[in-house]
Every structure is written in C-alpha cells, then in structure tokens.
C-alpha cells in the first residue's frame, strides 16, 4: 500500500486482491454458527494467496519466488475445496458464488502463468 513495490503491478496480485474481497463477501451468506470455522478458513486461505504473492515477489532468487507463488496457488485450491464443502452443506450456491468463481479462476491462471514464466 504505502511502499508501492513491484508486486503491486502484477496481474496475479490484483486478481488475488479481488479474490480476498469476494471471499469476504461470500462468507457473509454462511450461518452465524459457522463464522468461526469454515468461513475463517476461507478468509485465511484467500488472504494467504494475496500475502504470499507480495512476499514472494520480494525474494531475490527465482526459486524462492516460485515457491511462494506455488504456495499462493495452493491456497487458491484450498479456497475452492472449502467452497465445495460450503455448497454441500447448503451454506451457499454455485450461482451465488459466480463473482468469486471468476476471481478465483483469474487468480489461478495468473499465478500459473507467473510460475511458468519464471521457471529456472
């Protein structure tokens, strides 16, 4: 935010920011008694995507950067899996998660492209 470093210009970073926002919006549909379990896990995983991109892009070696980007991509998959559970439990519907699904897909593709372009 204040530092204006290179990671803020990455498409993956912008997509991850949108993913975090959509996750926070989506979990508001969940039952109140679920706010400390599944909803928190989804928010933590989404935030992990965003933060790992930021931290990874500050690393000097390409191997280290890719490690963080791969962790970020793994967290995208974690969000997706958690949403499967939420849908199975009728906390939300696929239709109500359309914007989140689009953000997740964009983020995953951007991270995959970033990882593949930075192969050592």
PDB file of N, CA and C in Angstrom:
ATOM      1  N   UNK A   1       0.823  -1.187   0.000  1.00  0.00           N
ATOM      2  CA  UNK A   1       0.000   0.000   0.000  1.00  0.00           C
ATOM      3  C   UNK A   1       0.869   1.253   0.000  1.00  0.00           C
ATOM      4  N   UNK A   2       1.683   1.415   1.009  1.00  0.00           N
ATOM      5  CA  UNK A   2       2.497   2.616   1.113  1.00  0.00           C
ATOM      6  C   UNK A   2       3.821   2.491   0.368  1.00  0.00           C
ATOM      7  N   UNK A   3       4.327   1.281   0.258  1.00  0.00           N
ATOM      8  CA  UNK A   3       5.653   1.080  -0.325  1.00  0.00           C
ATOM      9  C   UNK A   3       5.674   1.152  -1.850  1.00  0.00           C
ATOM     10  N   UNK A   4       4.565   0.856  -2.498  1.00  0.00           N
ATOM     11  CA  UNK A   4       4.476   0.888  -3.965  1.00  0.00           C
ATOM     12  C   UNK A   4       5.599   0.090  -4.625  1.00  0.00           C
ATOM     13  N   UNK A   5       5.743  -1.156  -4.195  1.00  0.00           N
ATOM     14  CA  UNK A   5       6.765  -2.041  -4.740  1.00  0.00           C
ATOM     15  C   UNK A   5       6.244  -2.756  -5.979  1.00  0.00           C
ATOM     16  N   UNK A   6       7.123  -3.498  -6.634  1.00  0.00           N
ATOM     17  CA  UNK A   6       6.814  -4.135  -7.907  1.00  0.00           C
ATOM     18  C   UNK A   6       5.656  -5.109  -7.885  1.00  0.00           C
ATOM     19  N   UNK A   7       5.449  -5.782  -6.761  1.00  0.00           N
ATOM     20  CA  UNK A   7       4.374  -6.779  -6.719  1.00  0.00           C
ATOM     21  C   UNK A   7       2.999  -6.160  -6.946  1.00  0.00           C
ATOM     22  N   UNK A   8       2.850  -4.884  -6.650  1.00  0.00           N
ATOM     23  CA  UNK A   8       1.539  -4.245  -6.810  1.00  0.00           C
ATOM     24  C   UNK A   8       1.152  -4.097  -8.277  1.00  0.00           C
ATOM     25  N   UNK A   9       2.123  -4.272  -9.165  1.00  0.00           N
ATOM     26  CA  UNK A   9       1.852  -4.167 -10.604  1.00  0.00           C
ATOM     27  C   UNK A   9       1.559  -5.519 -11.241  1.00  0.00           C
ATOM     28  N   UNK A  10       1.704  -6.589 -10.481  1.00  0.00           N
ATOM     29  CA  UNK A  10       1.454  -7.927 -11.016  1.00  0.00           C
ATOM     30  C   UNK A  10      -0.049  -8.178 -11.172  1.00  0.00           C
ATOM     31  N   UNK A  11      -0.426  -8.751 -12.315  1.00  0.00           N
ATOM     32  CA  UNK A  11      -1.825  -9.123 -12.524  1.00  0.00           C
ATOM     33  C   UNK A  11      -2.283 -10.124 -11.470  1.00  0.00           C
ATOM     34  N   UNK A  12      -1.397 -11.035 -11.070  1.00  0.00           N
ATOM     35  CA  UNK A  12      -1.745 -12.029 -10.058  1.00  0.00           C
ATOM     36  C   UNK A  12      -2.073 -11.357  -8.726  1.00  0.00           C
ATOM     37  N   UNK A  13      -1.364 -10.303  -8.399  1.00  0.00           N
ATOM     38  CA  UNK A  13      -1.598  -9.586  -7.145  1.00  0.00           C
ATOM     39  C   UNK A  13      -2.954  -8.885  -7.179  1.00  0.00           C
ATOM     40  N   UNK A  14      -3.254  -8.252  -8.281  1.00  0.00           N
ATOM     41  CA  UNK A  14      -4.546  -7.583  -8.446  1.00  0.00           C
ATOM     42  C   UNK A  14      -5.685  -8.601  -8.384  1.00  0.00           C
ATOM     43  N   UNK A  15      -5.493  -9.740  -9.044  1.00  0.00           N
ATOM     44  CA  UNK A  15      -6.515 -10.797  -9.030  1.00  0.00           C
ATOM     45  C   UNK A  15      -6.692 -11.361  -7.625  1.00  0.00           C
ATOM     46  N   UNK A  16      -5.600 -11.511  -6.892  1.00  0.00           N
ATOM     47  CA  UNK A  16      -5.671 -12.032  -5.526  1.00  0.00           C
ATOM     48  C   UNK A  16      -6.406 -11.055  -4.614  1.00  0.00           C
ATOM     49  N   UNK A  17      -6.203  -9.789  -4.837  1.00  0.00           N
ATOM     50  CA  UNK A  17      -6.907  -8.786  -4.033  1.00  0.00           C
ATOM     51  C   UNK A  17      -8.416  -8.903  -4.244  1.00  0.00           C
ATOM     52  N   UNK A  18      -8.815  -9.119  -5.478  1.00  0.00           N
ATOM     53  CA  UNK A  18     -10.237  -9.302  -5.785  1.00  0.00           C
ATOM     54  C   UNK A  18     -10.746 -10.608  -5.170  1.00  0.00           C
ATOM     55  N   UNK A  19      -9.917 -11.648  -5.202  1.00  0.00           N
ATOM     56  CA  UNK A  19     -10.294 -12.921  -4.593  1.00  0.00           C
ATOM     57  C   UNK A  19     -10.571 -12.758  -3.105  1.00  0.00           C
ATOM     58  N   UNK A  20      -9.706 -12.051  -2.409  1.00  0.00           N
ATOM     59  CA  UNK A  20      -9.908 -11.814  -0.974  1.00  0.00           C
ATOM     60  C   UNK A  20     -11.240 -11.106  -0.749  1.00  0.00           C
ATOM     61  N   UNK A  21     -11.478 -10.076  -1.517  1.00  0.00           N
ATOM     62  CA  UNK A  21     -12.722  -9.311  -1.370  1.00  0.00           C
ATOM     63  C   UNK A  21     -13.947 -10.206  -1.584  1.00  0.00           C
ATOM     64  N   UNK A  22     -13.922 -10.993  -2.654  1.00  0.00           N
ATOM     65  CA  UNK A  22     -15.067 -11.855  -2.961  1.00  0.00           C
ATOM     66  C   UNK A  22     -15.270 -12.934  -1.902  1.00  0.00           C
ATOM     67  N   UNK A  23     -14.187 -13.442  -1.333  1.00  0.00           N
ATOM     68  CA  UNK A  23     -14.304 -14.434  -0.258  1.00  0.00           C
ATOM     69  C   UNK A  23     -14.953 -13.827   0.972  1.00  0.00           C
ATOM     70  N   UNK A  24     -14.528 -12.632   1.326  1.00  0.00           N
ATOM     71  CA  UNK A  24     -15.111 -11.969   2.498  1.00  0.00           C
ATOM     72  C   UNK A  24     -16.600 -11.702   2.279  1.00  0.00           C
ATOM     73  N   UNK A  25     -16.974 -11.354   1.066  1.00  0.00           N
ATOM     74  CA  UNK A  25     -18.388 -11.137   0.749  1.00  0.00           C
ATOM     75  C   UNK A  25     -19.152 -12.459   0.797  1.00  0.00           C
ATOM     76  N   UNK A  26     -18.585 -13.502   0.219  1.00  0.00           N
ATOM     77  CA  UNK A  26     -19.275 -14.793   0.113  1.00  0.00           C
ATOM     78  C   UNK A  26     -19.592 -15.398   1.472  1.00  0.00           C
ATOM     79  N   UNK A  27     -18.664 -15.311   2.405  1.00  0.00           N
ATOM     80  CA  UNK A  27     -18.896 -15.975   3.697  1.00  0.00           C
ATOM     81  C   UNK A  27     -19.965 -15.278   4.535  1.00  0.00           C
ATOM     82  N   UNK A  28     -20.383 -14.093   4.141  1.00  0.00           N
ATOM     83  CA  UNK A  28     -21.474 -13.445   4.869  1.00  0.00           C
ATOM     84  C   UNK A  28     -22.788 -14.210   4.686  1.00  0.00           C
ATOM     85  N   UNK A  29     -22.860 -15.082   3.668  1.00  0.00           N
ATOM     86  CA  UNK A  29     -24.045 -15.916   3.436  1.00  0.00           C
ATOM     87  C   UNK A  29     -24.118 -17.092   4.409  1.00  0.00           C
ATOM     88  N   UNK A  30     -22.995 -17.439   5.006  1.00  0.00           N
ATOM     89  CA  UNK A  30     -22.918 -18.621   5.855  1.00  0.00           C
ATOM     90  C   UNK A  30     -23.704 -18.403   7.144  1.00  0.00           C
ATOM     91  N   UNK A  31     -24.153 -19.495   7.761  1.00  0.00           N
ATOM     92  CA  UNK A  31     -24.854 -19.368   9.042  1.00  0.00           C
ATOM     93  C   UNK A  31     -23.949 -18.731  10.102  1.00  0.00           C
ATOM     94  N   UNK A  32     -24.556 -18.069  11.055  1.00  0.00           N
ATOM     95  CA  UNK A  32     -23.816 -17.376  12.103  1.00  0.00           C
ATOM     96  C   UNK A  32     -22.910 -18.346  12.871  1.00  0.00           C
ATOM     97  N   UNK A  33     -23.398 -19.560  13.125  1.00  0.00           N
ATOM     98  CA  UNK A  33     -22.586 -20.512  13.888  1.00  0.00           C
ATOM     99  C   UNK A  33     -21.384 -21.035  13.108  1.00  0.00           C
ATOM    100  N   UNK A  34     -21.279 -20.687  11.844  1.00  0.00           N
ATOM    101  CA  UNK A  34     -20.166 -21.136  11.011  1.00  0.00           C
ATOM    102  C   UNK A  34     -19.064 -20.081  10.902  1.00  0.00           C
ATOM    103  N   UNK A  35     -19.253 -18.945  11.491  1.00  0.00           N
ATOM    104  CA  UNK A  35     -18.302 -17.845  11.297  1.00  0.00           C
ATOM    105  C   UNK A  35     -16.927 -18.091  11.888  1.00  0.00           C
ATOM    106  N   UNK A  36     -16.800 -19.082  12.784  1.00  0.00           N
ATOM    107  CA  UNK A  36     -15.502 -19.331  13.404  1.00  0.00           C
ATOM    108  C   UNK A  36     -14.792 -20.554  12.846  1.00  0.00           C
ATOM    109  N   UNK A  37     -15.379 -21.216  11.877  1.00  0.00           N
ATOM    110  CA  UNK A  37     -14.751 -22.432  11.359  1.00  0.00           C
ATOM    111  C   UNK A  37     -14.499 -22.274   9.861  1.00  0.00           C
ATOM    112  N   UNK A  38     -15.431 -22.711   9.056  1.00  0.00           N
ATOM    113  CA  UNK A  38     -15.232 -22.731   7.608  1.00  0.00           C
ATOM    114  C   UNK A  38     -15.042 -21.328   7.031  1.00  0.00           C
ATOM    115  N   UNK A  39     -15.826 -20.380   7.477  1.00  0.00           N
ATOM    116  CA  UNK A  39     -15.694 -19.023   6.936  1.00  0.00           C
ATOM    117  C   UNK A  39     -14.328 -18.435   7.263  1.00  0.00           C
ATOM    118  N   UNK A  40     -13.826 -18.690   8.462  1.00  0.00           N
ATOM    119  CA  UNK A  40     -12.499 -18.190   8.832  1.00  0.00           C
ATOM    120  C   UNK A  40     -11.407 -18.858   8.000  1.00  0.00           C
ATOM    121  N   UNK A  41     -11.566 -20.148   7.734  1.00  0.00           N
ATOM    122  CA  UNK A  41     -10.576 -20.866   6.938  1.00  0.00           C
ATOM    123  C   UNK A  41     -10.537 -20.322   5.517  1.00  0.00           C
ATOM    124  N   UNK A  42     -11.685 -20.029   4.961  1.00  0.00           N
ATOM    125  CA  UNK A  42     -11.750 -19.475   3.606  1.00  0.00           C
ATOM    126  C   UNK A  42     -11.085 -18.103   3.573  1.00  0.00           C
ATOM    127  N   UNK A  43     -11.386 -17.278   4.548  1.00  0.00           N
ATOM    128  CA  UNK A  43     -10.773 -15.941   4.580  1.00  0.00           C
ATOM    129  C   UNK A  43      -9.266 -16.031   4.777  1.00  0.00           C
ATOM    130  N   UNK A  44      -8.819 -16.931   5.648  1.00  0.00           N
ATOM    131  CA  UNK A  44      -7.374 -17.088   5.881  1.00  0.00           C
ATOM    132  C   UNK A  44      -6.665 -17.570   4.623  1.00  0.00           C
ATOM    133  N   UNK A  45      -7.259 -18.539   3.932  1.00  0.00           N
ATOM    134  CA  UNK A  45      -6.643 -19.071   2.719  1.00  0.00           C
ATOM    135  C   UNK A  45      -6.573 -17.999   1.630  1.00  0.00           C
ATOM    136  N   UNK A  46      -7.645 -17.229   1.475  1.00  0.00           N
ATOM    137  CA  UNK A  46      -7.655 -16.166   0.462  1.00  0.00           C
ATOM    138  C   UNK A  46      -6.611 -15.107   0.789  1.00  0.00           C
ATOM    139  N   UNK A  47      -6.534 -14.731   2.029  1.00  0.00           N
ATOM    140  CA  UNK A  47      -5.537 -13.744   2.441  1.00  0.00           C
ATOM    141  C   UNK A  47      -4.126 -14.290   2.245  1.00  0.00           C
ATOM    142  N   UNK A  48      -3.948 -15.571   2.452  1.00  0.00           N
ATOM    143  CA  UNK A  48      -2.655 -16.214   2.237  1.00  0.00           C
ATOM    144  C   UNK A  48      -2.222 -16.107   0.777  1.00  0.00           C
ATOM    145  N   UNK A  49      -3.157 -16.228  -0.142  1.00  0.00           N
ATOM    146  CA  UNK A  49      -2.844 -16.062  -1.568  1.00  0.00           C
ATOM    147  C   UNK A  49      -2.225 -14.688  -1.785  1.00  0.00           C
ATOM    148  N   UNK A  50      -2.914 -13.693  -1.328  1.00  0.00           N
ATOM    149  CA  UNK A  50      -2.512 -12.291  -1.508  1.00  0.00           C
ATOM    150  C   UNK A  50      -1.150 -12.012  -0.866  1.00  0.00           C
ATOM    151  N   UNK A  51      -0.987 -12.465   0.357  1.00  0.00           N
ATOM    152  CA  UNK A  51       0.245 -12.181   1.093  1.00  0.00           C
ATOM    153  C   UNK A  51       1.439 -12.968   0.560  1.00  0.00           C
ATOM    154  N   UNK A  52       1.219 -14.193   0.098  1.00  0.00           N
ATOM    155  CA  UNK A  52       2.323 -14.965  -0.467  1.00  0.00           C
ATOM    156  C   UNK A  52       2.818 -14.378  -1.784  1.00  0.00           C
ATOM    157  N   UNK A  53       1.929 -13.807  -2.560  1.00  0.00           N
ATOM    158  CA  UNK A  53       2.365 -13.136  -3.794  1.00  0.00           C
ATOM    159  C   UNK A  53       3.229 -11.940  -3.434  1.00  0.00           C
ATOM    160  N   UNK A  54       2.784 -11.169  -2.471  1.00  0.00           N
ATOM    161  CA  UNK A  54       3.555  -9.991  -2.049  1.00  0.00           C
ATOM    162  C   UNK A  54       4.922 -10.395  -1.513  1.00  0.00           C
ATOM    163  N   UNK A  55       4.926 -11.355  -0.601  1.00  0.00           N
ATOM    164  CA  UNK A  55       6.198 -11.764  -0.003  1.00  0.00           C
ATOM    165  C   UNK A  55       7.108 -12.442  -1.022  1.00  0.00           C
ATOM    166  N   UNK A  56       6.532 -13.285  -1.855  1.00  0.00           N
ATOM    167  CA  UNK A  56       7.339 -13.990  -2.855  1.00  0.00           C
ATOM    168  C   UNK A  56       8.020 -13.066  -3.833  1.00  0.00           C
ATOM    169  N   UNK A  57       7.331 -12.028  -4.227  1.00  0.00           N
ATOM    170  CA  UNK A  57       7.937 -11.124  -5.216  1.00  0.00           C
ATOM    171  C   UNK A  57       9.087 -10.315  -4.636  1.00  0.00           C
ATOM    172  N   UNK A  58       9.243 -10.325  -3.322  1.00  0.00           N
ATOM    173  CA  UNK A  58      10.360  -9.610  -2.713  1.00  0.00           C
ATOM    174  C   UNK A  58      11.609 -10.483  -2.606  1.00  0.00           C
ATOM    175  N   UNK A  59      11.479 -11.757  -2.921  1.00  0.00           N
ATOM    176  CA  UNK A  59      12.610 -12.673  -2.809  1.00  0.00           C
ATOM    177  C   UNK A  59      13.587 -12.479  -3.967  1.00  0.00           C
ATOM    178  N   UNK A  60      14.843 -12.640  -3.665  1.00  0.00           N
ATOM    179  CA  UNK A  60      15.889 -12.415  -4.673  1.00  0.00           C
ATOM    180  C   UNK A  60      15.981 -13.527  -5.707  1.00  0.00           C
ATOM    181  N   UNK A  61      15.887 -14.764  -5.271  1.00  0.00           N
ATOM    182  CA  UNK A  61      16.070 -15.858  -6.226  1.00  0.00           C
ATOM    183  C   UNK A  61      14.735 -16.272  -6.839  1.00  0.00           C
ATOM    184  N   UNK A  62      14.809 -16.692  -8.082  1.00  0.00           N
ATOM    185  CA  UNK A  62      13.616 -17.138  -8.798  1.00  0.00           C
ATOM    186  C   UNK A  62      13.029 -18.384  -8.152  1.00  0.00           C
ATOM    187  N   UNK A  63      13.883 -19.243  -7.641  1.00  0.00           N
ATOM    188  CA  UNK A  63      13.411 -20.458  -6.989  1.00  0.00           C
ATOM    189  C   UNK A  63      12.555 -20.098  -5.771  1.00  0.00           C
ATOM    190  N   UNK A  64      13.026 -19.154  -4.981  1.00  0.00           N
ATOM    191  CA  UNK A  64      12.257 -18.729  -3.807  1.00  0.00           C
ATOM    192  C   UNK A  64      10.953 -18.061  -4.211  1.00  0.00           C
ATOM    193  N   UNK A  65      11.004 -17.190  -5.224  1.00  0.00           N
ATOM    194  CA  UNK A  65       9.778 -16.519  -5.684  1.00  0.00           C
ATOM    195  C   UNK A  65       8.738 -17.550  -6.104  1.00  0.00           C
ATOM    196  N   UNK A  66       9.183 -18.515  -6.906  1.00  0.00           N
ATOM    197  CA  UNK A  66       8.247 -19.539  -7.373  1.00  0.00           C
ATOM    198  C   UNK A  66       7.672 -20.352  -6.220  1.00  0.00           C
ATOM    199  N   UNK A  67       8.465 -20.596  -5.191  1.00  0.00           N
ATOM    200  CA  UNK A  67       7.973 -21.343  -4.031  1.00  0.00           C
ATOM    201  C   UNK A  67       6.786 -20.606  -3.396  1.00  0.00           C
ATOM    202  N   UNK A  68       6.909 -19.297  -3.248  1.00  0.00           N
ATOM    203  CA  UNK A  68       5.814 -18.509  -2.674  1.00  0.00           C
ATOM    204  C   UNK A  68       4.611 -18.466  -3.613  1.00  0.00           C
ATOM    205  N   UNK A  69       4.879 -18.330  -4.908  1.00  0.00           N
ATOM    206  CA  UNK A  69       3.775 -18.316  -5.867  1.00  0.00           C
ATOM    207  C   UNK A  69       3.053 -19.660  -5.881  1.00  0.00           C
ATOM    208  N   UNK A  70       3.809 -20.742  -5.729  1.00  0.00           N
ATOM    209  CA  UNK A  70       3.180 -22.064  -5.668  1.00  0.00           C
ATOM    210  C   UNK A  70       2.362 -22.233  -4.389  1.00  0.00           C
ATOM    211  N   UNK A  71       2.841 -21.695  -3.276  1.00  0.00           N
ATOM    212  CA  UNK A  71       2.049 -21.729  -2.040  1.00  0.00           C
ATOM    213  C   UNK A  71       0.766 -20.922  -2.223  1.00  0.00           C
ATOM    214  N   UNK A  72       0.872 -19.789  -2.899  1.00  0.00           N
ATOM    215  CA  UNK A  72      -0.316 -18.969  -3.159  1.00  0.00           C
ATOM    216  C   UNK A  72      -1.319 -19.745  -4.004  1.00  0.00           C
ATOM    217  N   UNK A  73      -0.817 -20.416  -5.031  1.00  0.00           N
ATOM    218  CA  UNK A  73      -1.709 -21.195  -5.893  1.00  0.00           C
ATOM    219  C   UNK A  73      -2.354 -22.336  -5.104  1.00  0.00           C
ATOM    220  N   UNK A  74      -1.599 -22.951  -4.201  1.00  0.00           N
ATOM    221  CA  UNK A  74      -2.164 -23.991  -3.342  1.00  0.00           C
ATOM    222  C   UNK A  74      -3.277 -23.461  -2.461  1.00  0.00           C
ATOM    223  N   UNK A  75      -3.139 -22.225  -2.011  1.00  0.00           N
ATOM    224  CA  UNK A  75      -4.185 -21.615  -1.190  1.00  0.00           C
ATOM    225  C   UNK A  75      -5.435 -21.321  -2.011  1.00  0.00           C
ATOM    226  N   UNK A  76      -5.268 -21.021  -3.298  1.00  0.00           N
ATOM    227  CA  UNK A  76      -6.436 -20.853  -4.170  1.00  0.00           C
ATOM    228  C   UNK A  76      -7.203 -22.175  -4.226  1.00  0.00           C
ATOM    229  N   UNK A  77      -6.471 -23.268  -4.365  1.00  0.00           N
ATOM    230  CA  UNK A  77      -7.096 -24.587  -4.414  1.00  0.00           C
ATOM    231  C   UNK A  77      -7.781 -24.898  -3.079  1.00  0.00           C
ATOM    232  N   UNK A  78      -7.176 -24.457  -1.982  1.00  0.00           N
ATOM    233  CA  UNK A  78      -7.775 -24.645  -0.661  1.00  0.00           C
ATOM    234  C   UNK A  78      -9.118 -23.915  -0.559  1.00  0.00           C
ATOM    235  N   UNK A  79      -9.179 -22.696  -1.062  1.00  0.00           N
ATOM    236  CA  UNK A  79     -10.442 -21.949  -1.060  1.00  0.00           C
ATOM    237  C   UNK A  79     -11.487 -22.705  -1.870  1.00  0.00           C
ATOM    238  N   UNK A  80     -11.091 -23.188  -3.031  1.00  0.00           N
ATOM    239  CA  UNK A  80     -12.011 -23.914  -3.900  1.00  0.00           C
ATOM    240  C   UNK A  80     -12.567 -25.157  -3.190  1.00  0.00           C
ATOM    241  N   UNK A  81     -11.702 -25.903  -2.531  1.00  0.00           N
ATOM    242  CA  UNK A  81     -12.136 -27.109  -1.814  1.00  0.00           C
ATOM    243  C   UNK A  81     -13.074 -26.756  -0.663  1.00  0.00           C
ATOM    244  N   UNK A  82     -12.769 -25.691   0.058  1.00  0.00           N
ATOM    245  CA  UNK A  82     -13.622 -25.264   1.169  1.00  0.00           C
ATOM    246  C   UNK A  82     -14.997 -24.842   0.664  1.00  0.00           C
ATOM    247  N   UNK A  83     -15.034 -24.232  -0.498  1.00  0.00           N
ATOM    248  CA  UNK A  83     -16.321 -23.831  -1.067  1.00  0.00           C
ATOM    249  C   UNK A  83     -17.149 -25.039  -1.483  1.00  0.00           C
ATOM    250  N   UNK A  84     -16.481 -26.124  -1.903  1.00  0.00           N
ATOM    251  CA  UNK A  84     -17.213 -27.370  -2.174  1.00  0.00           C
ATOM    252  C   UNK A  84     -17.978 -27.811  -0.929  1.00  0.00           C
ATOM    253  N   UNK A  85     -17.316 -27.749   0.212  1.00  0.00           N
ATOM    254  CA  UNK A  85     -17.947 -28.141   1.475  1.00  0.00           C
ATOM    255  C   UNK A  85     -19.106 -27.205   1.794  1.00  0.00           C
ATOM    256  N   UNK A  86     -18.886 -25.909   1.619  1.00  0.00           N
ATOM    257  CA  UNK A  86     -19.943 -24.926   1.900  1.00  0.00           C
ATOM    258  C   UNK A  86     -21.166 -25.170   1.031  1.00  0.00           C
ATOM    259  N   UNK A  87     -20.938 -25.508  -0.219  1.00  0.00           N
ATOM    260  CA  UNK A  87     -22.059 -25.798  -1.123  1.00  0.00           C
ATOM    261  C   UNK A  87     -22.751 -27.089  -0.699  1.00  0.00           C
ATOM    262  N   UNK A  88     -21.966 -28.106  -0.376  1.00  0.00           N
ATOM    263  CA  UNK A  88     -22.552 -29.377   0.070  1.00  0.00           C
ATOM    264  C   UNK A  88     -23.415 -29.202   1.323  1.00  0.00           C
ATOM    265  N   UNK A  89     -23.040 -28.270   2.177  1.00  0.00           N
ATOM    266  CA  UNK A  89     -23.793 -28.008   3.409  1.00  0.00           C
ATOM    267  C   UNK A  89     -24.909 -26.978   3.215  1.00  0.00           C
ATOM    268  N   UNK A  90     -25.116 -26.544   1.972  1.00  0.00           N
ATOM    269  CA  UNK A  90     -26.146 -25.571   1.615  1.00  0.00           C
ATOM    270  C   UNK A  90     -25.955 -24.213   2.288  1.00  0.00           C
ATOM    271  N   UNK A  91     -24.705 -23.850   2.546  1.00  0.00           N
ATOM    272  CA  UNK A  91     -24.415 -22.518   3.081  1.00  0.00           C
ATOM    273  C   UNK A  91     -24.495 -21.463   1.984  1.00  0.00           C
ATOM    274  N   UNK A  92     -24.326 -21.911   0.750  1.00  0.00           N
ATOM    275  CA  UNK A  92     -24.355 -21.018  -0.406  1.00  0.00           C
ATOM    276  C   UNK A  92     -24.604 -21.880  -1.638  1.00  0.00           C
ATOM    277  N   UNK A  93     -24.740 -21.212  -2.771  1.00  0.00           N
ATOM    278  CA  UNK A  93     -24.965 -21.944  -4.020  1.00  0.00           C
ATOM    279  C   UNK A  93     -23.904 -21.542  -5.036  1.00  0.00           C
ATOM    280  N   UNK A  94     -23.741 -22.377  -6.026  1.00  0.00           N
ATOM    281  CA  UNK A  94     -22.782 -22.063  -7.094  1.00  0.00           C
ATOM    282  C   UNK A  94     -23.156 -20.727  -7.738  1.00  0.00           C
ATOM    283  N   UNK A  95     -24.446 -20.507  -7.930  1.00  0.00           N
ATOM    284  CA  UNK A  95     -24.908 -19.268  -8.553  1.00  0.00           C
ATOM    285  C   UNK A  95     -24.529 -18.043  -7.730  1.00  0.00           C
ATOM    286  N   UNK A  96     -24.606 -18.172  -6.410  1.00  0.00           N
ATOM    287  CA  UNK A  96     -24.291 -17.024  -5.552  1.00  0.00           C
ATOM    288  C   UNK A  96     -22.794 -16.754  -5.471  1.00  0.00           C
ATOM    289  N   UNK A  97     -21.997 -17.682  -5.962  1.00  0.00           N
ATOM    290  CA  UNK A  97     -20.542 -17.546  -5.913  1.00  0.00           C
ATOM    291  C   UNK A  97     -19.931 -17.232  -7.278  1.00  0.00           C
ATOM    292  N   UNK A  98     -20.759 -16.771  -8.201  1.00  0.00           N
ATOM    293  CA  UNK A  98     -20.275 -16.533  -9.569  1.00  0.00           C
ATOM    294  C   UNK A  98     -19.093 -15.560  -9.597  1.00  0.00           C
ATOM    295  N   UNK A  99     -19.211 -14.434  -8.936  1.00  0.00           N
ATOM    296  CA  UNK A  99     -18.123 -13.446  -8.937  1.00  0.00           C
ATOM    297  C   UNK A  99     -16.877 -14.013  -8.268  1.00  0.00           C
ATOM    298  N   UNK A 100     -17.071 -14.775  -7.202  1.00  0.00           N
ATOM    299  CA  UNK A 100     -15.942 -15.407  -6.520  1.00  0.00           C
ATOM    300  C   UNK A 100     -15.281 -16.434  -7.432  1.00  0.00           C
ATOM    301  N   UNK A 101     -16.074 -17.219  -8.114  1.00  0.00           N
ATOM    302  CA  UNK A 101     -15.532 -18.211  -9.047  1.00  0.00           C
ATOM    303  C   UNK A 101     -14.705 -17.571 -10.148  1.00  0.00           C
ATOM    304  N   UNK A 102     -15.183 -16.469 -10.670  1.00  0.00           N
ATOM    305  CA  UNK A 102     -14.439 -15.756 -11.711  1.00  0.00           C
ATOM    306  C   UNK A 102     -13.128 -15.205 -11.160  1.00  0.00           C
ATOM    307  N   UNK A 103     -13.173 -14.642  -9.963  1.00  0.00           N
ATOM    308  CA  UNK A 103     -11.956 -14.104  -9.339  1.00  0.00           C
ATOM    309  C   UNK A 103     -10.959 -15.223  -9.057  1.00  0.00           C
ATOM    310  N   UNK A 104     -11.466 -16.360  -8.598  1.00  0.00           N
ATOM    311  CA  UNK A 104     -10.604 -17.486  -8.285  1.00  0.00           C
ATOM    312  C   UNK A 104      -9.933 -18.028  -9.553  1.00  0.00           C
ATOM    313  N   UNK A 105     -10.696 -18.174 -10.604  1.00  0.00           N
ATOM    314  CA  UNK A 105     -10.157 -18.678 -11.869  1.00  0.00           C
ATOM    315  C   UNK A 105      -9.096 -17.732 -12.419  1.00  0.00           C
ATOM    316  N   UNK A 106      -9.386 -16.449 -12.383  1.00  0.00           N
ATOM    317  CA  UNK A 106      -8.421 -15.462 -12.870  1.00  0.00           C
ATOM    318  C   UNK A 106      -7.133 -15.493 -12.045  1.00  0.00           C
ATOM    319  N   UNK A 107      -7.277 -15.578 -10.755  1.00  0.00           N
ATOM    320  CA  UNK A 107      -6.128 -15.620  -9.867  1.00  0.00           C
ATOM    321  C   UNK A 107      -5.291 -16.871 -10.127  1.00  0.00           C
ATOM    322  N   UNK A 108      -5.949 -18.021 -10.249  1.00  0.00           N
ATOM    323  CA  UNK A 108      -5.247 -19.279 -10.501  1.00  0.00           C
ATOM    324  C   UNK A 108      -4.487 -19.221 -11.826  1.00  0.00           C
ATOM    325  N   UNK A 109      -5.133 -18.716 -12.858  1.00  0.00           N
ATOM    326  CA  UNK A 109      -4.483 -18.615 -14.175  1.00  0.00           C
ATOM    327  C   UNK A 109      -3.301 -17.656 -14.130  1.00  0.00           C
ATOM    328  N   UNK A 110      -3.467 -16.529 -13.461  1.00  0.00           N
ATOM    329  CA  UNK A 110      -2.371 -15.570 -13.360  1.00  0.00           C
ATOM    330  C   UNK A 110      -1.184 -16.147 -12.598  1.00  0.00           C
ATOM    331  N   UNK A 111      -1.458 -16.842 -11.518  1.00  0.00           N
ATOM    332  CA  UNK A 111      -0.377 -17.469 -10.758  1.00  0.00           C
ATOM    333  C   UNK A 111       0.303 -18.567 -11.572  1.00  0.00           C
ATOM    334  N   UNK A 112      -0.475 -19.371 -12.272  1.00  0.00           N
ATOM    335  CA  UNK A 112       0.112 -20.413 -13.107  1.00  0.00           C
ATOM    336  C   UNK A 112       1.008 -19.806 -14.189  1.00  0.00           C
ATOM    337  N   UNK A 113       0.541 -18.738 -14.798  1.00  0.00           N
ATOM    338  CA  UNK A 113       1.347 -18.059 -15.810  1.00  0.00           C
ATOM    339  C   UNK A 113       2.626 -17.489 -15.223  1.00  0.00           C
ATOM    340  N   UNK A 114       2.512 -16.920 -14.038  1.00  0.00           N
ATOM    341  CA  UNK A 114       3.681 -16.338 -13.362  1.00  0.00           C
ATOM    342  C   UNK A 114       4.697 -17.441 -13.037  1.00  0.00           C
ATOM    343  N   UNK A 115       4.232 -18.551 -12.530  1.00  0.00           N
ATOM    344  CA  UNK A 115       5.112 -19.678 -12.194  1.00  0.00           C
ATOM    345  C   UNK A 115       5.777 -20.220 -13.451  1.00  0.00           C
ATOM    346  N   UNK A 116       4.984 -20.432 -14.497  1.00  0.00           N
ATOM    347  CA  UNK A 116       5.527 -20.995 -15.728  1.00  0.00           C
ATOM    348  C   UNK A 116       6.499 -20.061 -16.441  1.00  0.00           C
ATOM    349  N   UNK A 117       6.266 -18.773 -16.321  1.00  0.00           N
ATOM    350  CA  UNK A 117       7.175 -17.825 -16.977  1.00  0.00           C
ATOM    351  C   UNK A 117       8.472 -17.646 -16.212  1.00  0.00           C
ATOM    352  N   UNK A 118       8.481 -18.068 -14.979  1.00  0.00           N
ATOM    353  CA  UNK A 118       9.656 -17.895 -14.125  1.00  0.00           C
ATOM    354  C   UNK A 118      10.375 -19.204 -13.843  1.00  0.00           C
ATOM    355  N   UNK A 119      10.183 -20.199 -14.685  1.00  0.00           N
ATOM    356  CA  UNK A 119      10.877 -21.474 -14.482  1.00  0.00           C
ATOM    357  C   UNK A 119      12.371 -21.256 -14.621  1.00  0.00           C
ATOM    358  N   UNK A 120      13.117 -21.868 -13.699  1.00  0.00           N
ATOM    359  CA  UNK A 120      14.581 -21.727 -13.746  1.00  0.00           C
ATOM    360  C   UNK A 120      15.212 -22.908 -14.426  1.00  0.00           C
TER     361      UNK A 120
END
